[in-house]
Amino acid sequence: MAGITLGNVYGLMVVTVFVDIASIAANTTVEQSFNVPGVRLGDMVIVTTASAVNAGVFVASARVTAANTVALRVGNVTVGALDPVAQDCLFFVIRPDAGVRVGVAM
């Protein structure tokens, strides 16, 4: 595998944010942004909910779009619109060390 980038992790943090996702139309995914204090461009984010979400609702991805802002891509796989339960979400933030990059060819 050519072009693998290796590096160190500069920092890790967990941020709990109360998230109220707007209604999601049937059989769609949407991206909604939320204020997550402390995140910055270049951070990687993994998100999980503190309790169960509505049946048929899922979190597909999370990405930092600006300082203190994370966009969640959420979906609804049911045949009707759903308004997910507002709840705390845990954002696991991984901040890579930008100073260490090594290209490895295998």
C-alpha atoms as a PDB file:
ATOM      1  CA  MET A   1       0.000   0.000   0.000  1.00  0.00           C
ATOM      2  CA  ALA A   2       1.622   3.190  -1.148  1.00  0.00           C
ATOM      3  CA  GLY A   3       0.965   6.606   0.298  1.00  0.00           C
ATOM      4  CA  ILE A   4      -0.072   5.638   3.820  1.00  0.00           C
ATOM      5  CA  THR A   5       0.188   8.629   6.132  1.00  0.00           C
ATOM      6  CA  LEU A   6       1.302   7.988   9.675  1.00  0.00           C
ATOM      7  CA  GLY A   7       1.315  10.428  12.534  1.00  0.00           C
ATOM      8  CA  ASN A   8       0.829  10.995  16.206  1.00  0.00           C
ATOM      9  CA  VAL A   9      -2.213  12.134  18.119  1.00  0.00           C
ATOM     10  CA  TYR A  10      -1.732  15.554  19.643  1.00  0.00           C
ATOM     11  CA  GLY A  11      -4.815  15.425  21.843  1.00  0.00           C
ATOM     12  CA  LEU A  12      -8.035  13.632  22.703  1.00  0.00           C
ATOM     13  CA  MET A  13     -11.141  15.044  24.333  1.00  0.00           C
ATOM     14  CA  VAL A  14     -14.753  14.138  24.929  1.00  0.00           C
ATOM     15  CA  VAL A  15     -17.331  16.915  24.717  1.00  0.00           C
ATOM     16  CA  THR A  16     -20.966  16.421  25.743  1.00  0.00           C
ATOM     17  CA  VAL A  17     -23.445  18.603  23.839  1.00  0.00           C
ATOM     18  CA  PHE A  18     -27.240  18.691  23.994  1.00  0.00           C
ATOM     19  CA  VAL A  19     -28.373  18.059  20.416  1.00  0.00           C
ATOM     20  CA  ASP A  20     -31.864  18.654  19.026  1.00  0.00           C
ATOM     21  CA  ILE A  21     -31.966  17.302  15.475  1.00  0.00           C
ATOM     22  CA  ALA A  22     -34.703  18.802  13.307  1.00  0.00           C
ATOM     23  CA  SER A  23     -37.338  16.599  11.707  1.00  0.00           C
ATOM     24  CA  ILE A  24     -35.981  14.298   8.982  1.00  0.00           C
ATOM     25  CA  ALA A  25     -38.093  13.458   5.938  1.00  0.00           C
ATOM     26  CA  ALA A  26     -38.753   9.822   5.050  1.00  0.00           C
ATOM     27  CA  ASN A  27     -35.931   7.844   3.442  1.00  0.00           C
ATOM     28  CA  THR A  28     -33.442  10.726   3.441  1.00  0.00           C
ATOM     29  CA  THR A  29     -30.233  11.916   5.022  1.00  0.00           C
ATOM     30  CA  VAL A  30     -29.547  15.512   5.991  1.00  0.00           C
ATOM     31  CA  GLU A  31     -26.607  17.392   7.420  1.00  0.00           C
ATOM     32  CA  GLN A  32     -27.169  19.611  10.442  1.00  0.00           C
ATOM     33  CA  SER A  33     -24.566  21.705  12.262  1.00  0.00           C
ATOM     34  CA  PHE A  34     -24.115  22.015  16.023  1.00  0.00           C
ATOM     35  CA  ASN A  35     -21.910  24.059  18.330  1.00  0.00           C
ATOM     36  CA  VAL A  36     -19.248  21.787  19.875  1.00  0.00           C
ATOM     37  CA  PRO A  37     -16.895  23.925  21.992  1.00  0.00           C
ATOM     38  CA  GLY A  38     -13.194  23.337  21.454  1.00  0.00           C
ATOM     39  CA  VAL A  39     -13.191  21.564  18.081  1.00  0.00           C
ATOM     40  CA  ARG A  40     -11.194  23.048  15.241  1.00  0.00           C
ATOM     41  CA  LEU A  41     -10.582  22.371  11.571  1.00  0.00           C
ATOM     42  CA  GLY A  42      -8.444  19.280  11.106  1.00  0.00           C
ATOM     43  CA  ASP A  43      -9.890  17.470  14.120  1.00  0.00           C
ATOM     44  CA  MET A  44     -11.526  14.076  13.621  1.00  0.00           C
ATOM     45  CA  VAL A  45     -14.835  13.472  15.379  1.00  0.00           C
ATOM     46  CA  ILE A  46     -16.707  10.338  16.404  1.00  0.00           C
ATOM     47  CA  VAL A  47     -20.181  10.861  17.854  1.00  0.00           C
ATOM     48  CA  THR A  48     -22.485   8.674  19.882  1.00  0.00           C
ATOM     49  CA  THR A  49     -25.766   9.335  21.611  1.00  0.00           C
ATOM     50  CA  ALA A  50     -26.092   9.117  25.382  1.00  0.00           C
ATOM     51  CA  SER A  51     -29.317   7.102  25.092  1.00  0.00           C
ATOM     52  CA  ALA A  52     -31.293   5.295  22.398  1.00  0.00           C
ATOM     53  CA  VAL A  53     -32.417   7.174  19.299  1.00  0.00           C
ATOM     54  CA  ASN A  54     -35.744   6.748  17.533  1.00  0.00           C
ATOM     55  CA  ALA A  55     -36.133   3.532  15.568  1.00  0.00           C
ATOM     56  CA  GLY A  56     -35.203   4.232  11.958  1.00  0.00           C
ATOM     57  CA  VAL A  57     -32.886   7.174  12.753  1.00  0.00           C
ATOM     58  CA  PHE A  58     -29.118   6.871  12.433  1.00  0.00           C
ATOM     59  CA  VAL A  59     -26.035   9.077  12.628  1.00  0.00           C
ATOM     60  CA  ALA A  60     -24.006   8.452   9.467  1.00  0.00           C
ATOM     61  CA  SER A  61     -21.039  10.764   9.989  1.00  0.00           C
ATOM     62  CA  ALA A  62     -19.615  13.753  11.802  1.00  0.00           C
ATOM     63  CA  ARG A  63     -17.127  16.342  10.526  1.00  0.00           C
ATOM     64  CA  VAL A  64     -15.693  19.608  11.741  1.00  0.00           C
ATOM     65  CA  THR A  65     -16.748  22.395   9.382  1.00  0.00           C
ATOM     66  CA  ALA A  66     -15.377  25.367  11.341  1.00  0.00           C
ATOM     67  CA  ALA A  67     -14.000  26.207  14.766  1.00  0.00           C
ATOM     68  CA  ASN A  68     -16.515  25.030  17.390  1.00  0.00           C
ATOM     69  CA  THR A  69     -18.835  23.570  14.722  1.00  0.00           C
ATOM     70  CA  VAL A  70     -19.564  19.938  13.869  1.00  0.00           C
ATOM     71  CA  ALA A  71     -21.882  18.870  11.057  1.00  0.00           C
ATOM     72  CA  LEU A  72     -23.758  15.634  11.662  1.00  0.00           C
ATOM     73  CA  ARG A  73     -25.160  13.660   8.744  1.00  0.00           C
ATOM     74  CA  VAL A  74     -28.281  11.928  10.062  1.00  0.00           C
ATOM     75  CA  GLY A  75     -30.755   9.721   8.283  1.00  0.00           C
ATOM     76  CA  ASN A  76     -34.245   8.331   8.459  1.00  0.00           C
ATOM     77  CA  VAL A  77     -34.912   4.906   6.909  1.00  0.00           C
ATOM     78  CA  THR A  78     -38.660   4.866   7.602  1.00  0.00           C
ATOM     79  CA  VAL A  79     -41.590   5.707   5.317  1.00  0.00           C
ATOM     80  CA  GLY A  80     -42.593   8.757   7.382  1.00  0.00           C
ATOM     81  CA  ALA A  81     -40.929  11.897   8.689  1.00  0.00           C
ATOM     82  CA  LEU A  82     -39.321  11.571  12.131  1.00  0.00           C
ATOM     83  CA  ASP A  83     -38.377  14.152  14.743  1.00  0.00           C
ATOM     84  CA  PRO A  84     -35.519  12.537  16.701  1.00  0.00           C
ATOM     85  CA  VAL A  85     -35.505  12.811  20.476  1.00  0.00           C
ATOM     86  CA  ALA A  86     -33.364  15.744  21.677  1.00  0.00           C
ATOM     87  CA  GLN A  87     -30.585  14.416  23.890  1.00  0.00           C
ATOM     88  CA  ASP A  88     -26.965  14.649  24.966  1.00  0.00           C
ATOM     89  CA  CYS A  89     -24.447  13.438  22.414  1.00  0.00           C
ATOM     90  CA  LEU A  90     -20.855  12.541  23.188  1.00  0.00           C
ATOM     91  CA  PHE A  91     -18.306  13.900  20.724  1.00  0.00           C
ATOM     92  CA  PHE A  92     -14.978  12.054  20.865  1.00  0.00           C
ATOM     93  CA  VAL A  93     -12.501  14.512  19.336  1.00  0.00           C
ATOM     94  CA  ILE A  94      -9.145  13.344  17.995  1.00  0.00           C
ATOM     95  CA  ARG A  95      -6.639  16.091  17.238  1.00  0.00           C
ATOM     96  CA  PRO A  96      -3.791  14.847  15.021  1.00  0.00           C
ATOM     97  CA  ASP A  97      -0.262  16.127  15.442  1.00  0.00           C
ATOM     98  CA  ALA A  98       0.225  18.058  12.227  1.00  0.00           C
ATOM     99  CA  GLY A  99       3.984  18.162  12.763  1.00  0.00           C
ATOM    100  CA  VAL A 100       4.618  14.444  12.186  1.00  0.00           C
ATOM    101  CA  ARG A 101       3.843  12.931   8.784  1.00  0.00           C
ATOM    102  CA  VAL A 102       5.712  10.033   7.244  1.00  0.00           C
ATOM    103  CA  GLY A 103       4.893   8.588   3.821  1.00  0.00           C
ATOM    104  CA  VAL A 104       5.220   4.820   3.841  1.00  0.00           C
ATOM    105  CA  ALA A 105       5.292   2.630   0.761  1.00  0.00           C
ATOM    106  CA  MET A 106       4.518  -1.030   1.305  1.00  0.00           C
END
